[in-house]
């Protein structure tokens, strides 16, 4: 009986500690800390003011189109990066791809880079999707979900979803829904126009 009570107490203490860490990650953000996603309470569009942004580090993986080549945030230093989680099996991703390409075409000259993360997909289906839509922005092939480990606490079922990183690769906005060009361009342009930190 004592062991059962001790186990229950230990589990409760661990859960309280974890809950406290999640809350502290949102309310007492340190710009040097790494990004940890906190449930938005039903919101699908979340914005982080510069003083509350957390850095996203070590996001990388194998290129979808160039097998064996590694790509990641380290390739886009000083750029605003628009991360998009997608899959060729996802209906909204099919309609969103053209909008993301338009963001790349329109804002690329202003130091913006779209980077896809293809999830739960076969490489051949994803490559066909990429080629058939004439996408020029790169994607990480992440069937196993290893690259997504950098997005601590992020819901892996949120496909499509888009994360906009500022030039220091801190999370500036999260969109847990399909985004149109008309919605995404102003959001990304505003982040790209921010004064240097």
Foldseek 3Di string as FASTA:
>chain_A
DVVVVVVVVVVVVVVVVVVVVLVCLQPVADQAAADADDDPVPDQKDFDPPRNWHAQPDQKAAWLVDGPDMDDCVVQAQAKEKEWEAELVDPLCLVLQVLVQVLCVVCVVLRYAYEYEYELYDSVSVVCSCVVVVRPGIYHDCHPCPSVVSHHNDPPVLPTKIFIAANSRTTGMIGSDRDGNVGVNVVNVVRSPDDDD
